[in-house]
Amino acid sequence: MSQTTDTPAPAPAPAPTPGKNRRSFLLRGLLAVIVLAAIAWTLWYFLEGRWYATTDDAYVHGNVVQITPRTAGTVLSIGAEDGDLVHTGQVLVRLDPADADVALQGAEADLARTVRKVRALYRSVKGQQAELAARRIALDKARADYRRRQGLVRDGAVSIETLAHARDTLAAAESALAAAMQHYRSGKVQVDDTVIATHPDVLAAAARVRAAYLQKVRTTLVAPVTGYVAQRTVQVGQRVQPGEPLMAVVPLGQVWVDANFKETQLGNMRIGQPVTLTSDLYGSSVTFHGTVQSLGIGTGSAFALLPAQNATGNWIKIVQRVPVRIRLDPADIKAHPLRIGLSMNASVNLHHRSGPVLAQKAPTGPVFTTEVYRHQLRDADALIARIIKHNSGHPKQP
């Protein structure tokens, strides 16, 4: 009798749910996107990206012109406040000029007195010259009398005593002429090859007038350059001393950027390479253009107040940063003014590497200058000439 066993039929496979299919598709798509992005980034880096050096460790710097007095005094007025625009030569601070006025008046009086003394020297020399001429005439007369008496003595017309008196008179005339000559030469040395205005005593007195005039002029502090006032600390009534900072003037049209790049980024960096910058102030919508002006001569840590001593203790290598100065386009600065200390993002285009690493030429002129103090003594010279003319007594001038 045979026994049959019924084998259960296999269960049908569950149909795939739509959600799992979609998730698998998205994962595969995401993986493909990541792979494509990695490939694209790799291609971009090797073809373009590696030729750019970027840093966000960059800051705006500029000239900060300190306004400091060169003479002590009490502040009478202040001509500008923080943030004000001032132009070259504009008055910023006035000091009490009373002491300077008194000193200048004394120097003017001393110059006038010196001119009159020198006038007396010139007249004295003329008098000595006239006396010398008279002594020569007297000597000629005494010599003639002596010679005449010599002949009369031989003839017996006069006595030997009379001849001795004539000889004594001749000797006295010779001594008087020698003394007059010495006196004349001493006086002539004091005025020789000069006129009143070029006499050493007058020049010394004129120098004292110039010094006093400068002290008076320096009671008025003016702006050396055109810029904006910052760091005003001076107050009316304050007693200031020479060299004390009162305020600063910042020419914002001449700012630059110091970007600190890692030392590993400097291999292809050269002077003159173009730079693209953005600031945190204006955001990425405003782009500044510039060029590499110079590469730092040392790292920031090398010039720190307390440089690292790697030869002592445990040492951990740290990638150093080197400051790179970037010259900005003046048109960009004019359109979007920057302030000292603002953060910047800098990107240097390294494609062109024909420029030097270090500057090859020395500056041919000053990198920053002012002309505001050059003509301070012009009025002083006019004052001195006027005093000399009024006290000379004659129009003789150099």
Protein backbone atom coordinates (compact mmCIF):
# COMPACT_ATOMS: atom_id res chain seq x y z
CA MET A 1 0.00 0.00 0.00
CA SER A 2 1.73 3.26 -1.11
CA GLN A 3 1.65 6.51 0.86
CA THR A 4 1.89 9.86 -0.87
CA THR A 5 3.10 13.04 0.84
CA ASP A 6 1.79 16.41 -0.29
CA THR A 7 4.73 18.96 -0.66
CA PRO A 8 3.58 22.52 -0.01
CA ALA A 9 3.97 24.81 -2.98
CA PRO A 10 6.60 27.66 -2.56
CA ALA A 11 5.23 30.95 -1.45
CA PRO A 12 5.22 33.58 -4.15
CA ALA A 13 7.96 36.32 -3.81
CA PRO A 14 6.66 39.55 -2.36
CA ALA A 15 6.24 42.28 -4.89
CA PRO A 16 8.72 45.19 -4.44
CA THR A 17 7.24 48.19 -2.77
CA PRO A 18 7.41 51.52 -4.61
CA GLY A 19 9.08 53.26 -1.63
CA LYS A 20 12.09 50.96 -1.55
CA ASN A 21 12.66 51.30 -5.29
CA ARG A 22 12.63 55.07 -5.06
CA ARG A 23 15.04 55.12 -2.11
CA SER A 24 17.49 52.83 -3.90
CA PHE A 25 17.29 55.02 -6.98
CA LEU A 26 17.97 58.16 -4.97
CA LEU A 27 20.96 56.59 -3.23
CA ARG A 28 22.43 55.50 -6.52
CA GLY A 29 21.79 58.94 -7.96
CA LEU A 30 23.38 60.62 -4.93
CA LEU A 31 26.41 58.37 -5.24
CA ALA A 32 26.68 59.24 -8.91
CA VAL A 33 26.41 62.94 -8.14
CA ILE A 34 29.16 62.66 -5.49
CA VAL A 35 31.41 60.79 -7.87
CA LEU A 36 30.78 63.31 -10.65
CA ALA A 37 31.35 66.20 -8.24
CA ALA A 38 34.61 64.66 -7.06
CA ILE A 39 35.71 64.18 -10.64
CA ALA A 40 34.70 67.73 -11.56
CA TRP A 41 36.45 69.17 -8.51
CA THR A 42 39.60 67.17 -9.27
CA LEU A 43 39.60 68.35 -12.87
CA TRP A 44 38.94 71.94 -11.77
CA TYR A 45 41.72 71.81 -9.17
CA PHE A 46 44.37 70.43 -11.50
CA LEU A 47 43.35 72.61 -14.43
CA GLU A 48 42.47 75.86 -12.64
CA GLY A 49 42.07 75.76 -8.86
CA ARG A 50 45.67 75.02 -7.94
CA TRP A 51 46.70 78.23 -9.69
CA TYR A 52 44.93 80.34 -7.07
CA ALA A 53 46.08 81.04 -3.51
CA THR A 54 43.32 82.19 -1.19
CA THR A 55 43.16 83.33 2.39
CA ASP A 56 40.70 84.99 4.71
CA ASP A 57 43.51 86.11 7.04
CA ALA A 58 43.77 89.51 5.40
CA TYR A 59 43.19 92.98 6.76
CA VAL A 60 43.10 96.56 5.51
CA HIS A 61 46.03 98.77 6.51
CA GLY A 62 47.00 102.33 5.73
CA ASN A 63 49.05 105.31 6.79
CA VAL A 64 48.01 106.71 10.15
CA VAL A 65 49.49 110.22 10.32
CA GLN A 66 49.90 111.27 13.93
CA ILE A 67 49.29 114.91 14.83
CA THR A 68 51.77 115.81 17.57
CA PRO A 69 52.88 119.24 18.79
CA ARG A 70 56.49 120.33 18.39
CA THR A 71 56.25 122.89 21.15
CA ALA A 72 54.60 122.94 24.56
CA GLY A 73 51.44 124.96 25.00
CA THR A 74 47.82 125.17 26.11
CA VAL A 75 45.12 124.15 23.65
CA LEU A 76 42.86 127.04 22.66
CA SER A 77 40.77 125.45 19.92
CA ILE A 78 40.19 122.19 18.06
CA GLY A 79 39.33 122.31 14.38
CA ALA A 80 38.06 118.79 13.62
CA GLU A 81 36.32 115.82 15.24
CA ASP A 82 36.64 112.07 14.71
CA GLY A 83 35.41 111.10 11.26
CA ASP A 84 35.69 114.61 9.78
CA LEU A 85 37.31 115.08 6.39
CA VAL A 86 40.26 117.48 6.52
CA HIS A 87 42.40 118.81 3.70
CA THR A 88 46.13 119.45 3.58
CA GLY A 89 46.98 122.60 5.52
CA GLN A 90 43.67 122.79 7.38
CA VAL A 91 44.01 123.94 11.00
CA LEU A 92 43.41 121.11 13.46
CA VAL A 93 44.64 122.47 16.81
CA ARG A 94 45.64 125.94 18.01
CA LEU A 95 47.91 126.46 21.02
CA ASP A 96 48.28 129.62 23.10
CA PRO A 97 50.83 131.74 21.15
CA ALA A 98 51.61 134.27 23.94
CA ASP A 99 54.99 132.82 24.91
CA ALA A 100 55.99 132.39 21.29
CA ASP A 101 55.02 135.99 20.50
CA VAL A 102 57.21 137.30 23.33
CA ALA A 103 60.16 135.17 22.22
CA LEU A 104 59.76 136.34 18.63
CA GLN A 105 59.65 140.01 19.64
CA GLY A 106 62.85 139.54 21.63
CA ALA A 107 64.56 137.87 18.68
CA GLU A 108 63.47 140.69 16.35
CA ALA A 109 64.86 143.30 18.75
CA ASP A 110 68.13 141.38 19.02
CA LEU A 111 68.43 141.26 15.23
CA ALA A 112 67.83 145.00 14.92
CA ARG A 113 70.42 145.72 17.62
CA THR A 114 72.95 143.43 15.91
CA VAL A 115 72.42 145.14 12.55
CA ARG A 116 73.14 148.52 14.13
CA LYS A 117 76.29 147.17 15.80
CA VAL A 118 77.51 145.84 12.48
CA ARG A 119 76.79 149.22 10.90
CA ALA A 120 79.05 150.74 13.56
CA LEU A 121 81.77 148.25 12.61
CA TYR A 122 81.61 149.32 8.98
CA ARG A 123 81.82 152.99 9.95
CA SER A 124 84.65 152.26 12.36
CA VAL A 125 86.63 150.65 9.57
CA LYS A 126 86.13 153.74 7.42
CA GLY A 127 87.37 155.92 10.29
CA GLN A 128 90.39 153.68 10.79
CA GLN A 129 91.13 153.91 7.09
CA ALA A 130 91.10 157.72 7.29
CA GLU A 131 93.34 157.64 10.36
CA LEU A 132 95.74 155.34 8.53
CA ALA A 133 95.96 157.81 5.67
CA ALA A 134 96.67 160.65 8.13
CA ARG A 135 99.43 158.60 9.80
CA ARG A 136 101.05 157.96 6.46
CA ILE A 137 101.05 161.68 5.70
CA ALA A 138 102.56 162.37 9.12
CA LEU A 139 105.23 159.72 8.52
CA ASP A 140 106.11 161.18 5.14
CA LYS A 141 106.43 164.63 6.74
CA ALA A 142 108.60 163.30 9.59
CA ARG A 143 110.83 161.42 7.16
CA ALA A 144 111.26 164.53 4.99
CA ASP A 145 112.10 166.69 8.06
CA TYR A 146 114.68 164.17 9.19
CA ARG A 147 116.36 164.02 5.81
CA ARG A 148 116.44 167.81 5.56
CA ARG A 149 118.00 168.17 9.01
CA GLN A 150 120.59 165.58 8.14
CA GLY A 151 121.85 167.88 5.36
CA LEU A 152 121.75 170.93 7.63
CA VAL A 153 123.81 169.13 10.27
CA ARG A 154 126.55 168.47 7.72
CA ASP A 155 126.52 172.18 6.86
CA GLY A 156 126.49 173.11 10.56
CA ALA A 157 123.17 174.95 10.24
CA VAL A 158 121.44 172.91 12.96
CA SER A 159 122.65 171.12 15.99
CA ILE A 160 122.90 167.38 16.47
CA GLU A 161 120.23 167.67 19.18
CA THR A 162 117.76 169.00 16.64
CA LEU A 163 118.55 166.03 14.40
CA ALA A 164 117.92 163.66 17.32
CA HIS A 165 114.51 165.25 17.90
CA ALA A 166 113.69 164.79 14.22
CA ARG A 167 114.79 161.14 14.44
CA ASP A 168 112.51 160.60 17.47
CA THR A 169 109.63 162.23 15.64
CA LEU A 170 110.20 159.90 12.67
CA ALA A 171 110.26 156.84 14.91
CA ALA A 172 107.07 157.95 16.64
CA ALA A 173 105.39 158.47 13.25
CA GLU A 174 106.47 155.01 12.12
CA SER A 175 105.10 153.44 15.33
CA ALA A 176 101.84 155.36 15.00
CA LEU A 177 101.49 154.19 11.40
CA ALA A 178 102.13 150.57 12.42
CA ALA A 179 99.55 150.82 15.21
CA ALA A 180 97.01 152.39 12.87
CA MET A 181 97.68 149.70 10.28
CA GLN A 182 97.14 146.94 12.86
CA HIS A 183 93.97 148.59 14.11
CA TYR A 184 92.66 148.94 10.57
CA ARG A 185 93.43 145.35 9.69
CA SER A 186 91.69 144.09 12.85
CA GLY A 187 88.58 146.06 12.03
CA LYS A 188 88.68 145.10 8.36
CA VAL A 189 88.81 141.39 9.20
CA GLN A 190 85.47 141.74 10.98
CA VAL A 191 83.70 143.12 7.93
CA ASP A 192 85.85 141.86 5.06
CA ASP A 193 84.02 140.30 2.08
CA THR A 194 80.61 140.86 3.68
CA VAL A 195 77.72 143.26 3.68
CA ILE A 196 75.40 143.85 6.61
CA ALA A 197 73.00 141.06 5.68
CA THR A 198 75.77 138.48 5.34
CA HIS A 199 77.79 139.43 8.41
CA PRO A 200 78.19 136.45 10.78
CA ASP A 201 76.70 138.31 13.73
CA VAL A 202 73.66 139.28 11.66
CA LEU A 203 73.28 135.73 10.36
CA ALA A 204 73.35 134.37 13.91
CA ALA A 205 70.72 136.87 15.03
CA ALA A 206 68.62 136.03 11.95
CA ALA A 207 68.82 132.35 12.85
CA ARG A 208 67.43 133.16 16.29
CA VAL A 209 64.56 135.03 14.62
CA ARG A 210 63.84 131.98 12.45
CA ALA A 211 63.83 129.70 15.49
CA ALA A 212 61.44 132.01 17.35
CA TYR A 213 59.26 132.33 14.25
CA LEU A 214 59.06 128.54 13.94
CA GLN A 215 58.00 128.26 17.56
CA LYS A 216 55.18 130.70 16.85
CA VAL A 217 54.14 128.93 13.64
CA ARG A 218 54.14 125.59 15.43
CA THR A 219 51.49 126.78 17.85
CA THR A 220 49.10 126.11 14.96
CA LEU A 221 48.90 122.42 14.05
CA VAL A 222 47.71 121.73 10.52
CA ALA A 223 46.78 118.56 8.63
CA PRO A 224 49.85 117.20 6.81
CA VAL A 225 47.70 115.24 4.33
CA THR A 226 44.10 115.01 3.19
CA GLY A 227 42.19 112.37 5.09
CA TYR A 228 39.81 111.59 7.92
CA VAL A 229 40.37 112.39 11.57
CA ALA A 230 40.64 109.52 14.03
CA GLN A 231 41.77 108.92 17.61
CA ARG A 232 41.17 112.47 18.83
CA THR A 233 42.23 112.67 22.47
CA VAL A 234 43.06 116.37 22.82
CA GLN A 235 40.76 118.67 24.78
CA VAL A 236 40.49 122.46 25.00
CA GLY A 237 42.52 123.80 27.91
CA GLN A 238 44.83 120.80 27.94
CA ARG A 239 48.53 121.46 28.44
CA VAL A 240 50.34 119.46 25.77
CA GLN A 241 54.01 118.58 25.44
CA PRO A 242 56.12 118.01 22.31
CA GLY A 243 55.53 114.59 20.79
CA GLU A 244 52.25 113.94 22.60
CA PRO A 245 49.65 112.33 20.25
CA LEU A 246 46.63 114.57 19.88
CA MET A 247 44.79 112.96 16.96
CA ALA A 248 45.48 111.12 13.73
CA VAL A 249 44.67 111.72 10.08
CA VAL A 250 44.06 108.65 7.90
CA PRO A 251 44.16 109.05 4.09
CA LEU A 252 41.65 106.34 3.20
CA GLY A 253 42.37 106.76 -0.49
CA GLN A 254 45.80 105.19 0.00
CA VAL A 255 45.00 102.01 1.93
CA TRP A 256 46.35 98.57 1.12
CA VAL A 257 45.76 94.99 2.25
CA ASP A 258 48.17 92.79 4.18
CA ALA A 259 47.18 89.18 3.47
CA ASN A 260 48.79 86.43 5.55
CA PHE A 261 49.36 83.37 3.37
CA LYS A 262 50.66 80.00 4.50
CA GLU A 263 54.25 79.36 3.56
CA THR A 264 53.06 76.43 1.45
CA GLN A 265 51.11 78.87 -0.74
CA LEU A 266 54.07 81.08 -1.68
CA GLY A 267 55.90 78.75 -4.06
CA ASN A 268 54.34 80.26 -7.19
CA MET A 269 53.52 83.72 -5.84
CA ARG A 270 55.26 86.65 -7.53
CA ILE A 271 55.19 90.44 -7.39
CA GLY A 272 52.70 91.91 -9.84
CA GLN A 273 50.24 88.99 -9.89
CA PRO A 274 46.57 90.05 -9.97
CA VAL A 275 44.48 89.68 -6.82
CA THR A 276 40.73 89.55 -6.36
CA LEU A 277 39.39 90.58 -2.97
CA THR A 278 36.10 90.82 -1.14
CA SER A 279 35.40 92.44 2.20
CA ASP A 280 33.15 91.43 5.03
CA LEU A 281 31.80 94.99 5.00
CA TYR A 282 30.33 94.85 1.47
CA GLY A 283 30.03 91.10 1.05
CA SER A 284 30.72 89.04 -2.05
CA SER A 285 28.65 91.36 -4.25
CA VAL A 286 31.50 93.93 -4.30
CA THR A 287 34.83 92.83 -5.71
CA PHE A 288 38.09 94.70 -5.26
CA HIS A 289 41.02 94.33 -7.63
CA GLY A 290 44.67 94.65 -6.81
CA THR A 291 48.18 93.39 -7.44
CA VAL A 292 50.83 91.82 -5.26
CA GLN A 293 53.11 94.68 -4.21
CA SER A 294 55.60 92.76 -2.08
CA LEU A 295 56.13 89.47 -0.30
CA GLY A 296 57.02 89.60 3.36
CA ILE A 297 60.70 89.40 4.29
CA GLY A 298 59.89 87.18 7.28
CA THR A 299 57.07 85.30 8.91
CA GLY A 300 54.79 86.91 11.43
CA SER A 301 56.28 84.93 14.29
CA ALA A 302 59.83 85.97 13.35
CA PHE A 303 59.00 89.64 13.91
CA ALA A 304 56.79 89.06 16.94
CA LEU A 305 57.61 90.82 20.20
CA LEU A 306 58.45 87.41 21.70
CA PRO A 307 59.57 85.17 18.82
CA ALA A 308 59.26 81.42 19.29
CA GLN A 309 62.37 79.57 20.49
CA ASN A 310 62.06 76.24 18.73
CA ALA A 311 65.42 75.04 20.03
CA THR A 312 64.09 74.68 23.56
CA GLY A 313 61.47 72.32 24.98
CA ASN A 314 59.10 70.17 22.98
CA TRP A 315 58.63 71.23 19.38
CA ILE A 316 55.55 70.93 17.23
CA LYS A 317 55.75 72.02 13.62
CA ILE A 318 53.27 74.74 12.75
CA VAL A 319 52.77 76.05 9.25
CA GLN A 320 53.93 79.66 9.32
CA ARG A 321 52.23 82.59 7.64
CA VAL A 322 53.96 85.29 5.62
CA PRO A 323 52.42 88.74 5.12
CA VAL A 324 51.87 89.72 1.49
CA ARG A 325 51.13 93.36 0.71
CA ILE A 326 48.46 93.95 -1.93
CA ARG A 327 48.05 97.27 -3.73
CA LEU A 328 44.39 98.08 -4.34
CA ASP A 329 42.88 99.74 -7.39
CA PRO A 330 42.19 103.41 -6.44
CA ALA A 331 38.96 103.39 -8.46
CA ASP A 332 37.60 100.50 -6.38
CA ILE A 333 38.54 102.27 -3.14
CA LYS A 334 36.87 105.47 -4.30
CA ALA A 335 33.68 103.63 -5.23
CA HIS A 336 33.60 101.55 -2.03
CA PRO A 337 35.68 103.15 0.75
CA LEU A 338 37.44 100.83 3.18
CA ARG A 339 38.41 101.37 6.79
CA ILE A 340 41.61 100.51 8.60
CA GLY A 341 41.46 97.02 10.10
CA LEU A 342 38.59 95.57 8.04
CA SER A 343 38.70 91.86 7.24
CA MET A 344 39.23 90.85 3.62
CA ASN A 345 39.24 87.66 1.57
CA ALA A 346 42.06 87.57 -0.97
CA SER A 347 42.61 85.28 -3.95
CA VAL A 348 45.88 85.58 -5.90
CA ASN A 349 46.00 84.44 -9.53
CA LEU A 350 49.21 82.40 -9.85
CA HIS A 351 49.07 81.80 -13.61
CA HIS A 352 51.65 84.43 -14.46
CA ARG A 353 54.94 83.70 -12.70
CA SER A 354 57.29 85.98 -14.64
CA GLY A 355 57.53 88.58 -11.86
CA PRO A 356 60.26 88.62 -9.20
CA VAL A 357 59.92 87.21 -5.70
CA LEU A 358 61.76 90.20 -4.19
CA ALA A 359 61.88 93.83 -5.31
CA GLN A 360 64.66 94.42 -7.83
CA LYS A 361 64.83 98.24 -7.73
CA ALA A 362 65.17 100.70 -4.90
CA PRO A 363 62.52 103.43 -4.58
CA THR A 364 63.41 106.50 -6.62
CA GLY A 365 61.54 108.88 -4.34
CA PRO A 366 59.64 109.06 -1.06
CA VAL A 367 56.81 106.56 -0.76
CA PHE A 368 54.75 108.98 1.35
CA THR A 369 55.41 112.68 1.84
CA THR A 370 53.86 116.03 2.66
CA GLU A 371 54.69 119.55 1.48
CA VAL A 372 52.76 121.41 4.16
CA TYR A 373 55.83 122.29 6.27
CA ARG A 374 58.15 123.26 3.43
CA HIS A 375 57.25 126.95 3.24
CA GLN A 376 57.00 127.74 6.94
CA LEU A 377 60.16 129.87 6.86
CA ARG A 378 59.20 131.84 3.75
CA ASP A 379 57.47 134.56 5.79
CA ALA A 380 60.30 134.44 8.35
CA ASP A 381 62.84 135.31 5.65
CA ALA A 382 60.69 138.21 4.53
CA LEU A 383 60.49 139.45 8.14
CA ILE A 384 64.27 139.22 8.55
CA ALA A 385 64.91 141.11 5.31
CA ARG A 386 62.55 143.86 6.43
CA ILE A 387 64.26 144.25 9.82
CA ILE A 388 67.72 144.40 8.22
CA LYS A 389 66.59 146.99 5.70
CA HIS A 390 64.99 149.23 8.31
CA ASN A 391 68.12 149.19 10.51
CA SER A 392 70.87 149.29 7.88
CA GLY A 393 70.67 153.00 7.21
CA HIS A 394 71.57 152.50 3.54
CA PRO A 395 70.23 150.36 0.71
CA LYS A 396 73.35 148.18 0.47
CA GLN A 397 72.13 144.58 0.41
CA PRO A 398 73.64 141.26 -0.73
